Amino acid sequence: MAKTKTSFEKLKDIINAWETLAPNEVFAGRTLAQFQTETFDCFKSRTDMEKLETQLEAAKNRKQDSDKAARKLALKVVSGVIAHPNFGDNSDLYAEMGYVREEERESGLHRGKQPKTPAV
């Protein structure tokens, strides 16, 4: 089954055929050079989009790298707060940074109710 061509692919086919088979002919009152000039924006916009997509991908990679570095630095700062003699992991500063203060932590041990075994 043949793939349906986009209008841009058809435009490239027209230019290629015109260049190859009738480069000196005039169609619709235009030479090949005039036609290429008039359709230049179709090609330029795609080139511009490709450049922007490459720049966007590079920016995403930079963002990901900088986020990773910032997370590492933030963990060092929080560790510094925990280790600081005037603050620590029970301080308001630690809590305001989004962490649970030591005295507010639960033990983590939860004993659920055991189901009663039926009497025999």
Foldseek 3Di string as FASTA:
>chain_A
DDDDDDPVVVVVVVLVCCVPPPQQDDDPNHHSVRVCVVCVVVVVVVVVVVVVVVVVVVVVVVVVVVVVVVVVVVVVVLVVQQPDPVHHQQHPVVVVVPDDRPVRDDPPDDDDDDDDDDDD
